[in-house]
């Protein structure tokens, strides 16, 4: 019985590896990235202002990509604060969709 259970669980794990990530997975990954990379300047609650950075709740994907990856604002965007403190974090380019999902 134990061997059959082990084989069955192994099959379930293999089946799960090929699935597309659910939207909740993106939110969880975005939360992890946000807490690890953004909270030094932004509040742990993205709806609140941080010690240096503004609240980020509701930030658009375009804004996140422009600021995080390139350190610039998207065309036509008027910033809440006129500062240039944020440095680009291009290593997070692959996480922009996840961050956007979390901040929605």
Protein backbone atom coordinates (compact mmCIF):
# COMPACT_ATOMS: atom_id res chain seq x y z
CA UNK A 1 0.00 0.00 0.00
CA UNK A 2 2.82 2.45 0.86
CA UNK A 3 4.52 1.90 -2.50
CA UNK A 4 1.29 2.49 -4.43
CA UNK A 5 0.71 5.71 -2.51
CA UNK A 6 4.26 6.87 -3.23
CA UNK A 7 3.86 6.13 -6.95
CA UNK A 8 0.49 7.90 -7.02
CA UNK A 9 1.85 11.00 -5.31
CA UNK A 10 4.85 11.03 -7.64
CA UNK A 11 2.50 10.96 -10.63
CA UNK A 12 0.52 13.88 -9.25
CA UNK A 13 3.71 15.89 -8.75
CA UNK A 14 4.86 15.19 -12.30
CA UNK A 15 1.46 16.19 -13.69
CA UNK A 16 1.58 19.47 -11.76
CA UNK A 17 5.00 20.35 -13.20
CA UNK A 18 3.60 20.74 -16.70
CA UNK A 19 0.70 23.02 -15.86
CA UNK A 20 0.49 26.72 -16.60
CA UNK A 21 0.81 28.88 -13.49
CA UNK A 22 -2.49 30.04 -12.04
CA UNK A 23 -3.06 33.77 -11.55
CA UNK A 24 -2.69 33.23 -7.80
CA UNK A 25 0.79 31.83 -8.44
CA UNK A 26 1.76 35.11 -10.14
CA UNK A 27 0.44 37.09 -7.17
CA UNK A 28 2.41 34.92 -4.74
CA UNK A 29 5.59 35.25 -6.82
CA UNK A 30 5.05 39.01 -7.10
CA UNK A 31 4.58 39.30 -3.35
CA UNK A 32 7.83 37.41 -2.78
CA UNK A 33 9.74 39.66 -5.19
CA UNK A 34 8.17 42.79 -3.71
CA UNK A 35 9.02 41.85 -0.12
CA UNK A 36 12.57 40.84 -1.05
CA UNK A 37 13.45 43.67 -3.43
CA UNK A 38 11.17 46.66 -2.87
CA UNK A 39 10.59 47.07 0.85
CA UNK A 40 13.93 48.69 1.57
CA UNK A 41 12.41 51.86 0.10
CA UNK A 42 8.69 51.11 -0.20
CA UNK A 43 6.44 50.00 2.67
CA UNK A 44 5.79 46.30 3.20
CA UNK A 45 2.14 47.21 2.60
CA UNK A 46 2.20 48.57 -0.98
CA UNK A 47 -0.82 50.79 -0.24
CA UNK A 48 1.26 52.86 2.20
CA UNK A 49 4.17 55.24 1.62
CA UNK A 50 7.57 53.82 2.47
CA UNK A 51 10.55 55.47 4.13
CA UNK A 52 11.79 56.68 0.72
CA UNK A 53 9.37 55.50 -1.98
CA UNK A 54 5.70 56.20 -2.66
CA UNK A 55 2.86 53.68 -2.33
CA UNK A 56 2.83 51.24 -5.24
CA UNK A 57 -0.62 49.64 -4.94
CA UNK A 58 -2.27 49.83 -8.36
CA UNK A 59 0.91 50.73 -10.28
CA UNK A 60 0.54 49.84 -13.95
CA UNK A 61 2.69 47.25 -15.65
CA UNK A 62 4.06 49.98 -17.95
CA UNK A 63 5.15 52.07 -14.97
CA UNK A 64 6.73 49.09 -13.24
CA UNK A 65 8.65 48.05 -16.33
CA UNK A 66 9.88 51.58 -17.04
CA UNK A 67 10.96 52.37 -13.46
CA UNK A 68 12.21 48.97 -12.35
CA UNK A 69 13.99 47.89 -15.53
CA UNK A 70 15.10 51.22 -17.05
CA UNK A 71 14.90 53.72 -14.18
CA UNK A 72 12.68 56.03 -16.25
CA UNK A 73 9.01 56.92 -16.45
CA UNK A 74 6.80 55.72 -19.30
CA UNK A 75 5.93 58.33 -21.94
CA UNK A 76 3.25 60.74 -20.77
CA UNK A 77 3.41 59.68 -17.12
CA UNK A 78 3.41 62.39 -14.47
CA UNK A 79 5.20 61.14 -11.32
CA UNK A 80 3.76 61.62 -7.85
CA UNK A 81 7.16 62.78 -6.61
CA UNK A 82 9.86 64.65 -8.50
CA UNK A 83 12.80 62.56 -7.33
CA UNK A 84 15.40 60.41 -9.04
CA UNK A 85 16.32 58.17 -6.12
CA UNK A 86 15.29 54.81 -7.59
CA UNK A 87 18.05 52.95 -9.34
CA UNK A 88 17.16 50.52 -12.15
CA UNK A 89 16.90 46.86 -11.18
CA UNK A 90 17.12 45.16 -14.60
CA UNK A 91 17.58 41.77 -12.96
CA UNK A 92 13.86 41.94 -12.12
CA UNK A 93 12.73 42.22 -15.78
CA UNK A 94 11.38 38.67 -15.76
CA UNK A 95 9.33 39.43 -12.62
CA UNK A 96 7.44 42.49 -13.88
CA UNK A 97 4.24 40.56 -14.68
CA UNK A 98 4.31 38.98 -11.22
CA UNK A 99 4.89 42.32 -9.53
CA UNK A 100 2.02 43.85 -11.51
CA UNK A 101 -0.27 40.97 -10.48
CA UNK A 102 0.62 41.45 -6.82
CA UNK A 103 0.19 45.24 -6.91
CA UNK A 104 -3.24 45.15 -8.64
